[in-house]
Amino acid sequence: MLGLPLFSSLRPRPSLNTSSRPSANGVRLRLMRLSEAAEKLQRQASADVRFGKENEARELLIQKRKVMQALDKSKGRIELCDKLLAKLNEAIAVKKTTDWPCCLTSRRRSARCV
């Protein structure tokens, strides 16, 4: 993981609607902060090893592991929310298409079709 930054894979998701965008952006910022913290801990641990501070390096790597676990949990939550959002959008689309013909079959417009 010493190559590209961890947060380079974070990209905006076009599937998000406007009401969930601020929340998603907040989560994305959290992911970026966590990935930056993990990289910083890795760099500090490497420097400590070079200076012979193995115990401090070990502590930093333990902290990094905890940060990476939090990062994985956050990514899992985002993926779950994306799946739920896709299903919700699909259900809304199905609901709209099944309710629409009611205006064609009755003489009056129902309140549902407005």
Protein backbone atom coordinates (compact mmCIF):
# COMPACT_ATOMS: atom_id res chain seq x y z
CA MET A 1 0.00 0.00 0.00
CA LEU A 2 2.93 2.34 -0.28
CA GLY A 3 2.11 3.10 -3.92
CA LEU A 4 -0.98 5.13 -4.69
CA PRO A 5 -2.89 6.83 -1.89
CA LEU A 6 -5.81 4.87 -0.52
CA PHE A 7 -8.25 7.67 -1.20
CA SER A 8 -7.42 7.79 -4.91
CA SER A 9 -10.05 5.11 -5.50
CA LEU A 10 -12.79 7.26 -3.96
CA ARG A 11 -14.86 8.80 -6.68
CA PRO A 12 -18.26 10.48 -6.76
CA ARG A 13 -21.13 8.11 -7.37
CA PRO A 14 -23.47 9.34 -10.10
CA SER A 15 -26.26 7.03 -8.91
CA LEU A 16 -26.90 9.10 -5.79
CA ASN A 17 -29.91 11.38 -5.85
CA THR A 18 -29.70 14.95 -4.62
CA SER A 19 -31.21 14.30 -1.19
CA SER A 20 -28.58 11.72 -0.25
CA ARG A 21 -25.65 13.55 -1.83
CA PRO A 22 -24.65 15.68 1.23
CA SER A 23 -24.65 12.62 3.46
CA ALA A 24 -22.68 10.60 0.92
CA ASN A 25 -20.16 13.41 0.56
CA GLY A 26 -19.71 13.46 4.33
CA VAL A 27 -19.08 9.73 4.37
CA ARG A 28 -16.65 10.08 1.47
CA LEU A 29 -14.76 12.79 3.37
CA ARG A 30 -14.58 10.47 6.38
CA LEU A 31 -13.11 7.76 4.16
CA MET A 32 -10.51 10.19 2.87
CA ARG A 33 -9.56 11.25 6.40
CA LEU A 34 -9.28 7.63 7.52
CA SER A 35 -7.13 6.68 4.54
CA GLU A 36 -4.87 9.69 5.07
CA ALA A 37 -4.53 8.77 8.75
CA ALA A 38 -3.60 5.19 7.83
CA GLU A 39 -0.94 6.40 5.41
CA LYS A 40 0.46 8.82 7.99
CA LEU A 41 0.66 6.04 10.59
CA GLN A 42 2.46 3.82 8.06
CA ARG A 43 5.01 6.56 7.31
CA GLN A 44 5.58 7.23 11.02
CA ALA A 45 6.03 3.52 11.71
CA SER A 46 8.56 3.25 8.88
CA ALA A 47 10.50 6.20 10.27
CA ASP A 48 10.44 4.71 13.78
CA VAL A 49 11.83 1.40 12.48
CA ARG A 50 14.66 3.27 10.75
CA PHE A 51 15.52 5.02 14.02
CA GLY A 52 15.36 1.78 16.02
CA LYS A 53 12.10 2.50 17.82
CA GLU A 54 10.47 -0.88 17.20
CA ASN A 55 8.01 -0.65 20.10
CA GLU A 56 6.68 2.72 18.93
CA ALA A 57 6.45 1.39 15.37
CA ARG A 58 4.50 -1.63 16.60
CA GLU A 59 2.03 0.65 18.42
CA LEU A 60 1.59 2.76 15.30
CA LEU A 61 0.93 -0.32 13.18
CA ILE A 62 -1.70 -1.48 15.68
CA GLN A 63 -3.35 1.93 15.39
CA LYS A 64 -3.14 1.68 11.60
CA ARG A 65 -4.85 -1.72 11.69
CA LYS A 66 -7.71 -0.22 13.72
CA VAL A 67 -8.02 2.67 11.27
CA MET A 68 -8.08 0.23 8.35
CA GLN A 69 -10.83 -1.78 10.06
CA ALA A 70 -12.88 1.41 10.46
CA LEU A 71 -12.21 2.20 6.81
CA ASP A 72 -13.43 -1.23 5.72
CA LYS A 73 -16.58 -0.87 7.82
CA SER A 74 -17.29 2.52 6.29
CA LYS A 75 -16.78 1.16 2.78
CA GLY A 76 -19.15 -1.70 3.58
CA ARG A 77 -21.78 0.76 4.79
CA ILE A 78 -21.43 2.82 1.62
CA GLU A 79 -21.80 -0.26 -0.57
CA LEU A 80 -24.87 -1.35 1.39
CA CYS A 81 -26.41 2.12 1.12
CA ASP A 82 -25.74 2.15 -2.63
CA LYS A 83 -27.49 -1.21 -3.01
CA LEU A 84 -30.44 -0.06 -0.92
CA LEU A 85 -30.66 3.18 -2.89
CA ALA A 86 -30.67 1.27 -6.17
CA LYS A 87 -33.44 -1.02 -4.91
CA LEU A 88 -35.42 1.94 -3.63
CA ASN A 89 -35.11 3.76 -6.96
CA GLU A 90 -36.16 0.59 -8.75
CA ALA A 91 -39.19 0.18 -6.47
CA ILE A 92 -40.17 3.82 -7.03
CA ALA A 93 -39.89 3.36 -10.79
CA VAL A 94 -42.02 0.21 -10.67
CA LYS A 95 -44.58 1.97 -8.49
CA LYS A 96 -44.76 4.89 -10.92
CA THR A 97 -45.22 2.63 -13.93
CA THR A 98 -47.91 0.52 -12.28
CA ASP A 99 -49.90 3.51 -10.94
CA TRP A 100 -49.80 5.54 -14.13
CA PRO A 101 -52.40 3.62 -16.20
CA CYS A 102 -55.12 4.24 -13.59
CA CYS A 103 -55.76 7.63 -15.22
CA LEU A 104 -56.44 5.94 -18.53
CA THR A 105 -59.03 3.51 -17.20
CA SER A 106 -61.18 5.89 -15.17
CA ARG A 107 -63.09 8.96 -16.33
CA ARG A 108 -61.72 11.10 -13.49
CA ARG A 109 -58.12 11.60 -12.51
CA SER A 110 -57.40 10.03 -9.21
CA ALA A 111 -55.36 11.85 -6.58
CA ARG A 112 -52.63 9.21 -6.95
CA CYS A 113 -52.00 10.11 -10.58
CA VAL A 114 -51.41 13.81 -10.08
